mmCIF file of all heavy atoms, coordinates in Angstrom:
data_MODEL
# 
_entry.id   MODEL 
# 
loop_
_atom_site.group_PDB 
_atom_site.id 
_atom_site.type_symbol 
_atom_site.label_atom_id 
_atom_site.label_alt_id 
_atom_site.label_comp_id 
_atom_site.label_asym_id 
_atom_site.label_entity_id 
_atom_site.label_seq_id 
_atom_site.pdbx_PDB_ins_code 
_atom_site.Cartn_x 
_atom_site.Cartn_y 
_atom_site.Cartn_z 
_atom_site.occupancy 
_atom_site.B_iso_or_equiv 
_atom_site.pdbx_formal_charge 
_atom_site.auth_seq_id 
_atom_site.auth_comp_id 
_atom_site.auth_asym_id 
_atom_site.auth_atom_id 
_atom_site.pdbx_PDB_model_num 
ATOM 1   N N   . GLY A 1 1  ? 37.348 86.405 -35.431 1.00 0.00 ? 1  GLY A N   1 
ATOM 2   C CA  . GLY A 1 1  ? 37.297 85.870 -36.712 1.00 0.00 ? 1  GLY A CA  1 
ATOM 3   C C   . GLY A 1 1  ? 35.978 86.069 -37.380 1.00 0.00 ? 1  GLY A C   1 
ATOM 4   O O   . GLY A 1 1  ? 35.138 86.784 -36.869 1.00 0.00 ? 1  GLY A O   1 
ATOM 5   N N   . ALA A 1 2  ? 35.819 85.510 -38.563 1.00 0.00 ? 2  ALA A N   1 
ATOM 6   C CA  . ALA A 1 2  ? 34.618 85.766 -39.377 1.00 0.00 ? 2  ALA A CA  1 
ATOM 7   C C   . ALA A 1 2  ? 33.704 84.591 -39.498 1.00 0.00 ? 2  ALA A C   1 
ATOM 8   O O   . ALA A 1 2  ? 32.842 84.589 -40.380 1.00 0.00 ? 2  ALA A O   1 
ATOM 9   C CB  . ALA A 1 2  ? 35.082 86.226 -40.740 1.00 0.00 ? 2  ALA A CB  1 
ATOM 10  N N   . ASP A 1 3  ? 33.804 83.587 -38.668 1.00 0.00 ? 3  ASP A N   1 
ATOM 11  C CA  . ASP A 1 3  ? 32.954 82.405 -38.806 1.00 0.00 ? 3  ASP A CA  1 
ATOM 12  C C   . ASP A 1 3  ? 31.459 82.744 -38.643 1.00 0.00 ? 3  ASP A C   1 
ATOM 13  O O   . ASP A 1 3  ? 31.045 83.220 -37.586 1.00 0.00 ? 3  ASP A O   1 
ATOM 14  C CB  . ASP A 1 3  ? 33.349 81.311 -37.789 1.00 0.00 ? 3  ASP A CB  1 
ATOM 15  C CG  . ASP A 1 3  ? 32.570 80.098 -37.931 1.00 0.00 ? 3  ASP A CG  1 
ATOM 16  O OD1 . ASP A 1 3  ? 32.955 79.228 -38.783 1.00 0.00 ? 3  ASP A OD1 1 
ATOM 17  O OD2 . ASP A 1 3  ? 31.542 79.936 -37.219 1.00 0.00 ? 3  ASP A OD2 1 
ATOM 18  N N   . ALA A 1 4  ? 30.734 82.518 -39.681 1.00 0.00 ? 4  ALA A N   1 
ATOM 19  C CA  . ALA A 1 4  ? 29.283 82.909 -39.701 1.00 0.00 ? 4  ALA A CA  1 
ATOM 20  C C   . ALA A 1 4  ? 28.477 82.120 -38.718 1.00 0.00 ? 4  ALA A C   1 
ATOM 21  O O   . ALA A 1 4  ? 27.532 82.737 -38.066 1.00 0.00 ? 4  ALA A O   1 
ATOM 22  C CB  . ALA A 1 4  ? 28.727 82.676 -41.112 1.00 0.00 ? 4  ALA A CB  1 
ATOM 23  N N   . ASP A 1 5  ? 28.808 80.880 -38.454 1.00 0.00 ? 5  ASP A N   1 
ATOM 24  C CA  . ASP A 1 5  ? 28.043 80.099 -37.422 1.00 0.00 ? 5  ASP A CA  1 
ATOM 25  C C   . ASP A 1 5  ? 28.245 80.604 -36.000 1.00 0.00 ? 5  ASP A C   1 
ATOM 26  O O   . ASP A 1 5  ? 27.278 80.710 -35.232 1.00 0.00 ? 5  ASP A O   1 
ATOM 27  C CB  . ASP A 1 5  ? 28.367 78.637 -37.528 1.00 0.00 ? 5  ASP A CB  1 
ATOM 28  C CG  . ASP A 1 5  ? 27.763 78.014 -38.749 1.00 0.00 ? 5  ASP A CG  1 
ATOM 29  O OD1 . ASP A 1 5  ? 26.545 78.307 -39.091 1.00 0.00 ? 5  ASP A OD1 1 
ATOM 30  O OD2 . ASP A 1 5  ? 28.441 77.194 -39.397 1.00 0.00 ? 5  ASP A OD2 1 
ATOM 31  N N   . ARG A 1 6  ? 29.490 80.958 -35.695 1.00 0.00 ? 6  ARG A N   1 
ATOM 32  C CA  . ARG A 1 6  ? 29.771 81.532 -34.378 1.00 0.00 ? 6  ARG A CA  1 
ATOM 33  C C   . ARG A 1 6  ? 29.011 82.857 -34.180 1.00 0.00 ? 6  ARG A C   1 
ATOM 34  O O   . ARG A 1 6  ? 28.502 83.148 -33.153 1.00 0.00 ? 6  ARG A O   1 
ATOM 35  C CB  . ARG A 1 6  ? 31.254 81.638 -34.179 1.00 0.00 ? 6  ARG A CB  1 
ATOM 36  C CG  . ARG A 1 6  ? 31.954 80.313 -33.944 1.00 0.00 ? 6  ARG A CG  1 
ATOM 37  C CD  . ARG A 1 6  ? 33.457 80.539 -33.675 1.00 0.00 ? 6  ARG A CD  1 
ATOM 38  N NE  . ARG A 1 6  ? 34.124 79.283 -33.517 1.00 0.00 ? 6  ARG A NE  1 
ATOM 39  C CZ  . ARG A 1 6  ? 34.798 78.673 -34.480 1.00 0.00 ? 6  ARG A CZ  1 
ATOM 40  N NH1 . ARG A 1 6  ? 34.892 79.197 -35.713 1.00 0.00 ? 6  ARG A NH1 1 
ATOM 41  N NH2 . ARG A 1 6  ? 35.376 77.527 -34.268 1.00 0.00 ? 6  ARG A NH2 1 
ATOM 42  N N   . ARG A 1 7  ? 29.115 83.666 -35.254 1.00 0.00 ? 7  ARG A N   1 
ATOM 43  C CA  . ARG A 1 7  ? 28.429 84.980 -35.142 1.00 0.00 ? 7  ARG A CA  1 
ATOM 44  C C   . ARG A 1 7  ? 26.925 84.823 -35.064 1.00 0.00 ? 7  ARG A C   1 
ATOM 45  O O   . ARG A 1 7  ? 26.296 85.510 -34.251 1.00 0.00 ? 7  ARG A O   1 
ATOM 46  C CB  . ARG A 1 7  ? 28.819 85.832 -36.388 1.00 0.00 ? 7  ARG A CB  1 
ATOM 47  C CG  . ARG A 1 7  ? 30.243 86.250 -36.403 1.00 0.00 ? 7  ARG A CG  1 
ATOM 48  C CD  . ARG A 1 7  ? 30.565 87.335 -37.416 1.00 0.00 ? 7  ARG A CD  1 
ATOM 49  N NE  . ARG A 1 7  ? 31.953 87.749 -37.285 1.00 0.00 ? 7  ARG A NE  1 
ATOM 50  C CZ  . ARG A 1 7  ? 32.450 88.507 -36.340 1.00 0.00 ? 7  ARG A CZ  1 
ATOM 51  N NH1 . ARG A 1 7  ? 31.619 88.998 -35.427 1.00 0.00 ? 7  ARG A NH1 1 
ATOM 52  N NH2 . ARG A 1 7  ? 33.698 88.799 -36.307 1.00 0.00 ? 7  ARG A NH2 1 
ATOM 53  N N   . ARG A 1 8  ? 26.351 83.890 -35.781 1.00 0.00 ? 8  ARG A N   1 
ATOM 54  C CA  . ARG A 1 8  ? 24.939 83.654 -35.646 1.00 0.00 ? 8  ARG A CA  1 
ATOM 55  C C   . ARG A 1 8  ? 24.511 83.195 -34.269 1.00 0.00 ? 8  ARG A C   1 
ATOM 56  O O   . ARG A 1 8  ? 23.534 83.652 -33.694 1.00 0.00 ? 8  ARG A O   1 
ATOM 57  C CB  . ARG A 1 8  ? 24.502 82.547 -36.685 1.00 0.00 ? 8  ARG A CB  1 
ATOM 58  C CG  . ARG A 1 8  ? 23.026 82.150 -36.579 1.00 0.00 ? 8  ARG A CG  1 
ATOM 59  C CD  . ARG A 1 8  ? 22.700 80.921 -37.429 1.00 0.00 ? 8  ARG A CD  1 
ATOM 60  N NE  . ARG A 1 8  ? 23.621 79.858 -37.324 1.00 0.00 ? 8  ARG A NE  1 
ATOM 61  C CZ  . ARG A 1 8  ? 23.674 78.960 -36.337 1.00 0.00 ? 8  ARG A CZ  1 
ATOM 62  N NH1 . ARG A 1 8  ? 22.806 79.028 -35.349 1.00 0.00 ? 8  ARG A NH1 1 
ATOM 63  N NH2 . ARG A 1 8  ? 24.532 77.991 -36.376 1.00 0.00 ? 8  ARG A NH2 1 
ATOM 64  N N   . CYS A 1 9  ? 25.311 82.327 -33.679 1.00 0.00 ? 9  CYS A N   1 
ATOM 65  C CA  . CYS A 1 9  ? 24.991 81.744 -32.385 1.00 0.00 ? 9  CYS A CA  1 
ATOM 66  C C   . CYS A 1 9  ? 25.058 82.899 -31.337 1.00 0.00 ? 9  CYS A C   1 
ATOM 67  O O   . CYS A 1 9  ? 24.232 83.045 -30.451 1.00 0.00 ? 9  CYS A O   1 
ATOM 68  C CB  . CYS A 1 9  ? 25.953 80.641 -31.976 1.00 0.00 ? 9  CYS A CB  1 
ATOM 69  S SG  . CYS A 1 9  ? 25.411 79.713 -30.570 1.00 0.00 ? 9  CYS A SG  1 
ATOM 70  N N   . ALA A 1 10 ? 26.145 83.744 -31.385 1.00 0.00 ? 10 ALA A N   1 
ATOM 71  C CA  . ALA A 1 10 ? 26.279 84.820 -30.463 1.00 0.00 ? 10 ALA A CA  1 
ATOM 72  C C   . ALA A 1 10 ? 25.082 85.811 -30.572 1.00 0.00 ? 10 ALA A C   1 
ATOM 73  O O   . ALA A 1 10 ? 24.570 86.260 -29.584 1.00 0.00 ? 10 ALA A O   1 
ATOM 74  C CB  . ALA A 1 10 ? 27.684 85.562 -30.637 1.00 0.00 ? 10 ALA A CB  1 
ATOM 75  N N   . GLU A 1 11 ? 24.733 86.122 -31.794 1.00 0.00 ? 11 GLU A N   1 
ATOM 76  C CA  . GLU A 1 11 ? 23.641 87.043 -32.063 1.00 0.00 ? 11 GLU A CA  1 
ATOM 77  C C   . GLU A 1 11 ? 22.324 86.394 -31.613 1.00 0.00 ? 11 GLU A C   1 
ATOM 78  O O   . GLU A 1 11 ? 21.440 87.062 -31.206 1.00 0.00 ? 11 GLU A O   1 
ATOM 79  C CB  . GLU A 1 11 ? 23.618 87.488 -33.507 1.00 0.00 ? 11 GLU A CB  1 
ATOM 80  C CG  . GLU A 1 11 ? 22.561 88.574 -33.816 1.00 0.00 ? 11 GLU A CG  1 
ATOM 81  C CD  . GLU A 1 11 ? 22.768 89.804 -33.021 1.00 0.00 ? 11 GLU A CD  1 
ATOM 82  O OE1 . GLU A 1 11 ? 23.912 90.119 -32.547 1.00 0.00 ? 11 GLU A OE1 1 
ATOM 83  O OE2 . GLU A 1 11 ? 21.816 90.568 -32.889 1.00 0.00 ? 11 GLU A OE2 1 
ATOM 84  N N   . ALA A 1 12 ? 22.238 85.080 -31.724 1.00 0.00 ? 12 ALA A N   1 
ATOM 85  C CA  . ALA A 1 12 ? 20.989 84.411 -31.288 1.00 0.00 ? 12 ALA A CA  1 
ATOM 86  C C   . ALA A 1 12 ? 20.744 84.682 -29.751 1.00 0.00 ? 12 ALA A C   1 
ATOM 87  O O   . ALA A 1 12 ? 19.586 84.940 -29.412 1.00 0.00 ? 12 ALA A O   1 
ATOM 88  C CB  . ALA A 1 12 ? 21.102 82.895 -31.541 1.00 0.00 ? 12 ALA A CB  1 
ATOM 89  N N   . ALA A 1 13 ? 21.782 84.569 -28.981 1.00 0.00 ? 13 ALA A N   1 
ATOM 90  C CA  . ALA A 1 13 ? 21.574 84.802 -27.495 1.00 0.00 ? 13 ALA A CA  1 
ATOM 91  C C   . ALA A 1 13 ? 21.054 86.225 -27.274 1.00 0.00 ? 13 ALA A C   1 
ATOM 92  O O   . ALA A 1 13 ? 20.158 86.423 -26.459 1.00 0.00 ? 13 ALA A O   1 
ATOM 93  C CB  . ALA A 1 13 ? 22.906 84.601 -26.744 1.00 0.00 ? 13 ALA A CB  1 
ATOM 94  N N   . ARG A 1 14 ? 21.655 87.192 -27.981 1.00 0.00 ? 14 ARG A N   1 
ATOM 95  C CA  . ARG A 1 14 ? 21.196 88.593 -27.793 1.00 0.00 ? 14 ARG A CA  1 
ATOM 96  C C   . ARG A 1 14 ? 19.735 88.762 -28.334 1.00 0.00 ? 14 ARG A C   1 
ATOM 97  O O   . ARG A 1 14 ? 18.973 89.513 -27.680 1.00 0.00 ? 14 ARG A O   1 
ATOM 98  C CB  . ARG A 1 14 ? 22.141 89.521 -28.564 1.00 0.00 ? 14 ARG A CB  1 
ATOM 99  C CG  . ARG A 1 14 ? 23.490 89.570 -27.934 1.00 0.00 ? 14 ARG A CG  1 
ATOM 100 C CD  . ARG A 1 14 ? 24.413 90.567 -28.670 1.00 0.00 ? 14 ARG A CD  1 
ATOM 101 N NE  . ARG A 1 14 ? 25.790 90.321 -28.323 1.00 0.00 ? 14 ARG A NE  1 
ATOM 102 C CZ  . ARG A 1 14 ? 26.657 89.646 -29.129 1.00 0.00 ? 14 ARG A CZ  1 
ATOM 103 N NH1 . ARG A 1 14 ? 26.312 89.315 -30.381 1.00 0.00 ? 14 ARG A NH1 1 
ATOM 104 N NH2 . ARG A 1 14 ? 27.810 89.420 -28.753 1.00 0.00 ? 14 ARG A NH2 1 
ATOM 105 N N   . GLN A 1 15 ? 19.400 88.159 -29.434 1.00 0.00 ? 15 GLN A N   1 
ATOM 106 C CA  . GLN A 1 15 ? 18.071 88.333 -30.012 1.00 0.00 ? 15 GLN A CA  1 
ATOM 107 C C   . GLN A 1 15 ? 17.034 87.624 -29.153 1.00 0.00 ? 15 GLN A C   1 
ATOM 108 O O   . GLN A 1 15 ? 15.927 88.071 -28.968 1.00 0.00 ? 15 GLN A O   1 
ATOM 109 C CB  . GLN A 1 15 ? 18.000 87.884 -31.426 1.00 0.00 ? 15 GLN A CB  1 
ATOM 110 C CG  . GLN A 1 15 ? 18.807 88.771 -32.380 1.00 0.00 ? 15 GLN A CG  1 
ATOM 111 C CD  . GLN A 1 15 ? 18.283 90.197 -32.386 1.00 0.00 ? 15 GLN A CD  1 
ATOM 112 O OE1 . GLN A 1 15 ? 17.102 90.463 -32.290 1.00 0.00 ? 15 GLN A OE1 1 
ATOM 113 N NE2 . GLN A 1 15 ? 19.193 91.128 -32.339 1.00 0.00 ? 15 GLN A NE2 1 
ATOM 114 N N   . VAL A 1 16 ? 17.369 86.432 -28.613 1.00 0.00 ? 16 VAL A N   1 
ATOM 115 C CA  . VAL A 1 16 ? 16.474 85.701 -27.724 1.00 0.00 ? 16 VAL A CA  1 
ATOM 116 C C   . VAL A 1 16 ? 16.216 86.523 -26.479 1.00 0.00 ? 16 VAL A C   1 
ATOM 117 O O   . VAL A 1 16 ? 15.128 86.671 -25.974 1.00 0.00 ? 16 VAL A O   1 
ATOM 118 C CB  . VAL A 1 16 ? 16.968 84.312 -27.375 1.00 0.00 ? 16 VAL A CB  1 
ATOM 119 C CG1 . VAL A 1 16 ? 16.135 83.667 -26.321 1.00 0.00 ? 16 VAL A CG1 1 
ATOM 120 C CG2 . VAL A 1 16 ? 16.975 83.433 -28.649 1.00 0.00 ? 16 VAL A CG2 1 
ATOM 121 N N   . PHE A 1 17 ? 17.296 87.167 -25.924 1.00 0.00 ? 17 PHE A N   1 
ATOM 122 C CA  . PHE A 1 17 ? 17.108 88.087 -24.792 1.00 0.00 ? 17 PHE A CA  1 
ATOM 123 C C   . PHE A 1 17 ? 16.195 89.194 -25.166 1.00 0.00 ? 17 PHE A C   1 
ATOM 124 O O   . PHE A 1 17 ? 15.237 89.488 -24.454 1.00 0.00 ? 17 PHE A O   1 
ATOM 125 C CB  . PHE A 1 17 ? 18.460 88.630 -24.355 1.00 0.00 ? 17 PHE A CB  1 
ATOM 126 C CG  . PHE A 1 17 ? 18.349 89.616 -23.209 1.00 0.00 ? 17 PHE A CG  1 
ATOM 127 C CD1 . PHE A 1 17 ? 18.447 89.215 -21.913 1.00 0.00 ? 17 PHE A CD1 1 
ATOM 128 C CD2 . PHE A 1 17 ? 18.087 90.968 -23.464 1.00 0.00 ? 17 PHE A CD2 1 
ATOM 129 C CE1 . PHE A 1 17 ? 18.310 90.136 -20.891 1.00 0.00 ? 17 PHE A CE1 1 
ATOM 130 C CE2 . PHE A 1 17 ? 17.919 91.855 -22.431 1.00 0.00 ? 17 PHE A CE2 1 
ATOM 131 C CZ  . PHE A 1 17 ? 18.040 91.437 -21.113 1.00 0.00 ? 17 PHE A CZ  1 
ATOM 132 N N   . ARG A 1 18 ? 16.446 89.834 -26.272 1.00 0.00 ? 18 ARG A N   1 
ATOM 133 C CA  . ARG A 1 18 ? 15.616 91.002 -26.717 1.00 0.00 ? 18 ARG A CA  1 
ATOM 134 C C   . ARG A 1 18 ? 14.199 90.628 -26.829 1.00 0.00 ? 18 ARG A C   1 
ATOM 135 O O   . ARG A 1 18 ? 13.271 91.279 -26.344 1.00 0.00 ? 18 ARG A O   1 
ATOM 136 C CB  . ARG A 1 18 ? 16.185 91.566 -28.048 1.00 0.00 ? 18 ARG A CB  1 
ATOM 137 C CG  . ARG A 1 18 ? 15.404 92.867 -28.522 1.00 0.00 ? 18 ARG A CG  1 
ATOM 138 C CD  . ARG A 1 18 ? 15.810 93.239 -29.931 1.00 0.00 ? 18 ARG A CD  1 
ATOM 139 N NE  . ARG A 1 18 ? 15.618 92.174 -30.954 1.00 0.00 ? 18 ARG A NE  1 
ATOM 140 C CZ  . ARG A 1 18 ? 14.378 91.857 -31.451 1.00 0.00 ? 18 ARG A CZ  1 
ATOM 141 N NH1 . ARG A 1 18 ? 13.297 92.486 -31.090 1.00 0.00 ? 18 ARG A NH1 1 
ATOM 142 N NH2 . ARG A 1 18 ? 14.299 90.911 -32.334 1.00 0.00 ? 18 ARG A NH2 1 
ATOM 143 N N   . ARG A 1 19 ? 13.938 89.537 -27.553 1.00 0.00 ? 19 ARG A N   1 
ATOM 144 C CA  . ARG A 1 19 ? 12.510 89.089 -27.788 1.00 0.00 ? 19 ARG A CA  1 
ATOM 145 C C   . ARG A 1 19 ? 11.854 88.662 -26.500 1.00 0.00 ? 19 ARG A C   1 
ATOM 146 O O   . ARG A 1 19 ? 10.635 88.952 -26.298 1.00 0.00 ? 19 ARG A O   1 
ATOM 147 C CB  . ARG A 1 19 ? 12.503 88.001 -28.799 1.00 0.00 ? 19 ARG A CB  1 
ATOM 148 C CG  . ARG A 1 19 ? 12.907 88.487 -30.228 1.00 0.00 ? 19 ARG A CG  1 
ATOM 149 C CD  . ARG A 1 19 ? 13.077 87.387 -31.179 1.00 0.00 ? 19 ARG A CD  1 
ATOM 150 N NE  . ARG A 1 19 ? 11.793 86.707 -31.534 1.00 0.00 ? 19 ARG A NE  1 
ATOM 151 C CZ  . ARG A 1 19 ? 11.609 85.673 -32.287 1.00 0.00 ? 19 ARG A CZ  1 
ATOM 152 N NH1 . ARG A 1 19 ? 12.765 85.131 -32.814 1.00 0.00 ? 19 ARG A NH1 1 
ATOM 153 N NH2 . ARG A 1 19 ? 10.425 85.133 -32.533 1.00 0.00 ? 19 ARG A NH2 1 
ATOM 154 N N   . THR A 1 20 ? 12.602 88.029 -25.592 1.00 0.00 ? 20 THR A N   1 
ATOM 155 C CA  . THR A 1 20 ? 11.996 87.598 -24.350 1.00 0.00 ? 20 THR A CA  1 
ATOM 156 C C   . THR A 1 20 ? 11.738 88.836 -23.392 1.00 0.00 ? 20 THR A C   1 
ATOM 157 O O   . THR A 1 20 ? 10.728 88.792 -22.738 1.00 0.00 ? 20 THR A O   1 
ATOM 158 C CB  . THR A 1 20 ? 12.976 86.574 -23.626 1.00 0.00 ? 20 THR A CB  1 
ATOM 159 O OG1 . THR A 1 20 ? 13.205 85.468 -24.558 1.00 0.00 ? 20 THR A OG1 1 
ATOM 160 C CG2 . THR A 1 20 ? 12.332 86.013 -22.345 1.00 0.00 ? 20 THR A CG2 1 
ATOM 161 N N   . ARG A 1 21 ? 12.592 89.777 -23.470 1.00 0.00 ? 21 ARG A N   1 
ATOM 162 C CA  . ARG A 1 21 ? 12.323 91.012 -22.771 1.00 0.00 ? 21 ARG A CA  1 
ATOM 163 C C   . ARG A 1 21 ? 11.035 91.666 -23.277 1.00 0.00 ? 21 ARG A C   1 
ATOM 164 O O   . ARG A 1 21 ? 10.249 92.181 -22.519 1.00 0.00 ? 21 ARG A O   1 
ATOM 165 C CB  . ARG A 1 21 ? 13.473 92.039 -22.906 1.00 0.00 ? 21 ARG A CB  1 
ATOM 166 C CG  . ARG A 1 21 ? 13.258 93.367 -22.245 1.00 0.00 ? 21 ARG A CG  1 
ATOM 167 C CD  . ARG A 1 21 ? 14.366 94.350 -22.431 1.00 0.00 ? 21 ARG A CD  1 
ATOM 168 N NE  . ARG A 1 21 ? 13.941 95.654 -21.985 1.00 0.00 ? 21 ARG A NE  1 
ATOM 169 C CZ  . ARG A 1 21 ? 13.306 96.516 -22.826 1.00 0.00 ? 21 ARG A CZ  1 
ATOM 170 N NH1 . ARG A 1 21 ? 13.054 96.235 -24.075 1.00 0.00 ? 21 ARG A NH1 1 
ATOM 171 N NH2 . ARG A 1 21 ? 12.909 97.675 -22.278 1.00 0.00 ? 21 ARG A NH2 1 
ATOM 172 N N   . GLU A 1 22 ? 10.812 91.667 -24.567 1.00 0.00 ? 22 GLU A N   1 
ATOM 173 C CA  . GLU A 1 22 ? 9.622  92.216 -25.120 1.00 0.00 ? 22 GLU A CA  1 
ATOM 174 C C   . GLU A 1 22 ? 8.358  91.448 -24.653 1.00 0.00 ? 22 GLU A C   1 
ATOM 175 O O   . GLU A 1 22 ? 7.308  92.005 -24.409 1.00 0.00 ? 22 GLU A O   1 
ATOM 176 C CB  . GLU A 1 22 ? 9.673  92.213 -26.671 1.00 0.00 ? 22 GLU A CB  1 
ATOM 177 C CG  . GLU A 1 22 ? 10.597 93.233 -27.207 1.00 0.00 ? 22 GLU A CG  1 
ATOM 178 C CD  . GLU A 1 22 ? 10.839 93.085 -28.731 1.00 0.00 ? 22 GLU A CD  1 
ATOM 179 O OE1 . GLU A 1 22 ? 10.284 92.189 -29.352 1.00 0.00 ? 22 GLU A OE1 1 
ATOM 180 O OE2 . GLU A 1 22 ? 11.660 93.856 -29.244 1.00 0.00 ? 22 GLU A OE2 1 
ATOM 181 N N   . ASP A 1 23 ? 8.530  90.096 -24.487 1.00 0.00 ? 23 ASP A N   1 
ATOM 182 C CA  . ASP A 1 23 ? 7.442  89.288 -23.921 1.00 0.00 ? 23 ASP A CA  1 
ATOM 183 C C   . ASP A 1 23 ? 7.174  89.713 -22.479 1.00 0.00 ? 23 ASP A C   1 
ATOM 184 O O   . ASP A 1 23 ? 6.019  89.752 -21.999 1.00 0.00 ? 23 ASP A O   1 
ATOM 185 C CB  . ASP A 1 23 ? 7.794  87.785 -23.977 1.00 0.00 ? 23 ASP A CB  1 
ATOM 186 C CG  . ASP A 1 23 ? 7.918  87.231 -25.363 1.00 0.00 ? 23 ASP A CG  1 
ATOM 187 O OD1 . ASP A 1 23 ? 7.167  87.715 -26.234 1.00 0.00 ? 23 ASP A OD1 1 
ATOM 188 O OD2 . ASP A 1 23 ? 8.731  86.305 -25.589 1.00 0.00 ? 23 ASP A OD2 1 
ATOM 189 N N   . TRP A 1 24 ? 8.261  90.032 -21.733 1.00 0.00 ? 24 TRP A N   1 
ATOM 190 C CA  . TRP A 1 24 ? 8.050  90.512 -20.353 1.00 0.00 ? 24 TRP A CA  1 
ATOM 191 C C   . TRP A 1 24 ? 7.326  91.836 -20.316 1.00 0.00 ? 24 TRP A C   1 
ATOM 192 O O   . TRP A 1 24 ? 6.463  92.049 -19.480 1.00 0.00 ? 24 TRP A O   1 
ATOM 193 C CB  . TRP A 1 24 ? 9.470  90.657 -19.691 1.00 0.00 ? 24 TRP A CB  1 
ATOM 194 C CG  . TRP A 1 24 ? 9.490  91.398 -18.428 1.00 0.00 ? 24 TRP A CG  1 
ATOM 195 C CD1 . TRP A 1 24 ? 8.984  90.952 -17.189 1.00 0.00 ? 24 TRP A CD1 1 
ATOM 196 C CD2 . TRP A 1 24 ? 10.012 92.671 -18.146 1.00 0.00 ? 24 TRP A CD2 1 
ATOM 197 N NE1 . TRP A 1 24 ? 9.157  91.903 -16.241 1.00 0.00 ? 24 TRP A NE1 1 
ATOM 198 C CE2 . TRP A 1 24 ? 9.807  92.976 -16.826 1.00 0.00 ? 24 TRP A CE2 1 
ATOM 199 C CE3 . TRP A 1 24 ? 10.666 93.626 -18.954 1.00 0.00 ? 24 TRP A CE3 1 
ATOM 200 C CZ2 . TRP A 1 24 ? 10.245 94.165 -16.221 1.00 0.00 ? 24 TRP A CZ2 1 
ATOM 201 C CZ3 . TRP A 1 24 ? 11.070 94.777 -18.374 1.00 0.00 ? 24 TRP A CZ3 1 
ATOM 202 C CH2 . TRP A 1 24 ? 10.890 95.062 -17.052 1.00 0.00 ? 24 TRP A CH2 1 
ATOM 203 N N   . LEU A 1 25 ? 7.631  92.714 -21.244 1.00 0.00 ? 25 LEU A N   1 
ATOM 204 C CA  . LEU A 1 25 ? 6.936  93.990 -21.307 1.00 0.00 ? 25 LEU A CA  1 
ATOM 205 C C   . LEU A 1 25 ? 5.389  93.808 -21.576 1.00 0.00 ? 25 LEU A C   1 
ATOM 206 O O   . LEU A 1 25 ? 4.636  94.642 -21.229 1.00 0.00 ? 25 LEU A O   1 
ATOM 207 C CB  . LEU A 1 25 ? 7.511  94.868 -22.374 1.00 0.00 ? 25 LEU A CB  1 
ATOM 208 C CG  . LEU A 1 25 ? 8.890  95.431 -22.078 1.00 0.00 ? 25 LEU A CG  1 
ATOM 209 C CD1 . LEU A 1 25 ? 9.537  96.119 -23.302 1.00 0.00 ? 25 LEU A CD1 1 
ATOM 210 C CD2 . LEU A 1 25 ? 8.873  96.393 -20.828 1.00 0.00 ? 25 LEU A CD2 1 
ATOM 211 N N   . ARG A 1 26 ? 5.097  92.692 -22.186 1.00 0.00 ? 26 ARG A N   1 
ATOM 212 C CA  . ARG A 1 26 ? 3.631  92.378 -22.450 1.00 0.00 ? 26 ARG A CA  1 
ATOM 213 C C   . ARG A 1 26 ? 2.985  91.697 -21.239 1.00 0.00 ? 26 ARG A C   1 
ATOM 214 O O   . ARG A 1 26 ? 1.831  91.314 -21.313 1.00 0.00 ? 26 ARG A O   1 
ATOM 215 C CB  . ARG A 1 26 ? 3.509  91.516 -23.691 1.00 0.00 ? 26 ARG A CB  1 
ATOM 216 C CG  . ARG A 1 26 ? 3.780  92.242 -24.960 1.00 0.00 ? 26 ARG A CG  1 
ATOM 217 C CD  . ARG A 1 26 ? 3.417  91.493 -26.210 1.00 0.00 ? 26 ARG A CD  1 
ATOM 218 N NE  . ARG A 1 26 ? 4.425  90.542 -26.673 1.00 0.00 ? 26 ARG A NE  1 
ATOM 219 C CZ  . ARG A 1 26 ? 5.487  90.891 -27.332 1.00 0.00 ? 26 ARG A CZ  1 
ATOM 220 N NH1 . ARG A 1 26 ? 5.723  92.131 -27.625 1.00 0.00 ? 26 ARG A NH1 1 
ATOM 221 N NH2 . ARG A 1 26 ? 6.335  89.986 -27.687 1.00 0.00 ? 26 ARG A NH2 1 
ATOM 222 N N   . GLY A 1 27 ? 3.753  91.451 -20.145 1.00 0.00 ? 27 GLY A N   1 
ATOM 223 C CA  . GLY A 1 27 ? 3.141  90.970 -18.891 1.00 0.00 ? 27 GLY A CA  1 
ATOM 224 C C   . GLY A 1 27 ? 3.269  89.465 -18.642 1.00 0.00 ? 27 GLY A C   1 
ATOM 225 O O   . GLY A 1 27 ? 2.509  88.916 -17.871 1.00 0.00 ? 27 GLY A O   1 
ATOM 226 N N   . LEU A 1 28 ? 4.239  88.759 -19.286 1.00 0.00 ? 28 LEU A N   1 
ATOM 227 C CA  . LEU A 1 28 ? 4.384  87.328 -19.025 1.00 0.00 ? 28 LEU A CA  1 
ATOM 228 C C   . LEU A 1 28 ? 5.046  87.092 -17.696 1.00 0.00 ? 28 LEU A C   1 
ATOM 229 O O   . LEU A 1 28 ? 5.875  87.872 -17.237 1.00 0.00 ? 28 LEU A O   1 
ATOM 230 C CB  . LEU A 1 28 ? 5.179  86.627 -20.101 1.00 0.00 ? 28 LEU A CB  1 
ATOM 231 C CG  . LEU A 1 28 ? 4.346  86.158 -21.270 1.00 0.00 ? 28 LEU A CG  1 
ATOM 232 C CD1 . LEU A 1 28 ? 3.914  87.324 -22.174 1.00 0.00 ? 28 LEU A CD1 1 
ATOM 233 C CD2 . LEU A 1 28 ? 5.149  85.144 -22.113 1.00 0.00 ? 28 LEU A CD2 1 
ATOM 234 N N   . THR A 1 29 ? 4.708  85.937 -17.050 1.00 0.00 ? 29 THR A N   1 
ATOM 235 C CA  . THR A 1 29 ? 5.334  85.540 -15.816 1.00 0.00 ? 29 THR A CA  1 
ATOM 236 C C   . THR A 1 29 ? 6.761  85.072 -16.117 1.00 0.00 ? 29 THR A C   1 
ATOM 237 O O   . THR A 1 29 ? 7.134  84.846 -17.285 1.00 0.00 ? 29 THR A O   1 
ATOM 238 C CB  . THR A 1 29 ? 4.573  84.311 -15.173 1.00 0.00 ? 29 THR A CB  1 
ATOM 239 O OG1 . THR A 1 29 ? 4.729  83.192 -16.056 1.00 0.00 ? 29 THR A OG1 1 
ATOM 240 C CG2 . THR A 1 29 ? 3.134  84.677 -14.914 1.00 0.00 ? 29 THR A CG2 1 
ATOM 241 N N   . GLY A 1 30 ? 7.554  84.970 -15.052 1.00 0.00 ? 30 GLY A N   1 
ATOM 242 C CA  . GLY A 1 30 ? 8.930  84.444 -15.221 1.00 0.00 ? 30 GLY A CA  1 
ATOM 243 C C   . GLY A 1 30 ? 8.953  83.061 -15.912 1.00 0.00 ? 30 GLY A C   1 
ATOM 244 O O   . GLY A 1 30 ? 9.782  82.874 -16.762 1.00 0.00 ? 30 GLY A O   1 
# 
């Protein structure tokens, strides 16, 4: 479906992963 809030939430998980991976590339601990 086209619910904007569901889409935002799903994309949030992917973007948080992407940004956290970038933090890992900068050398952060787990």
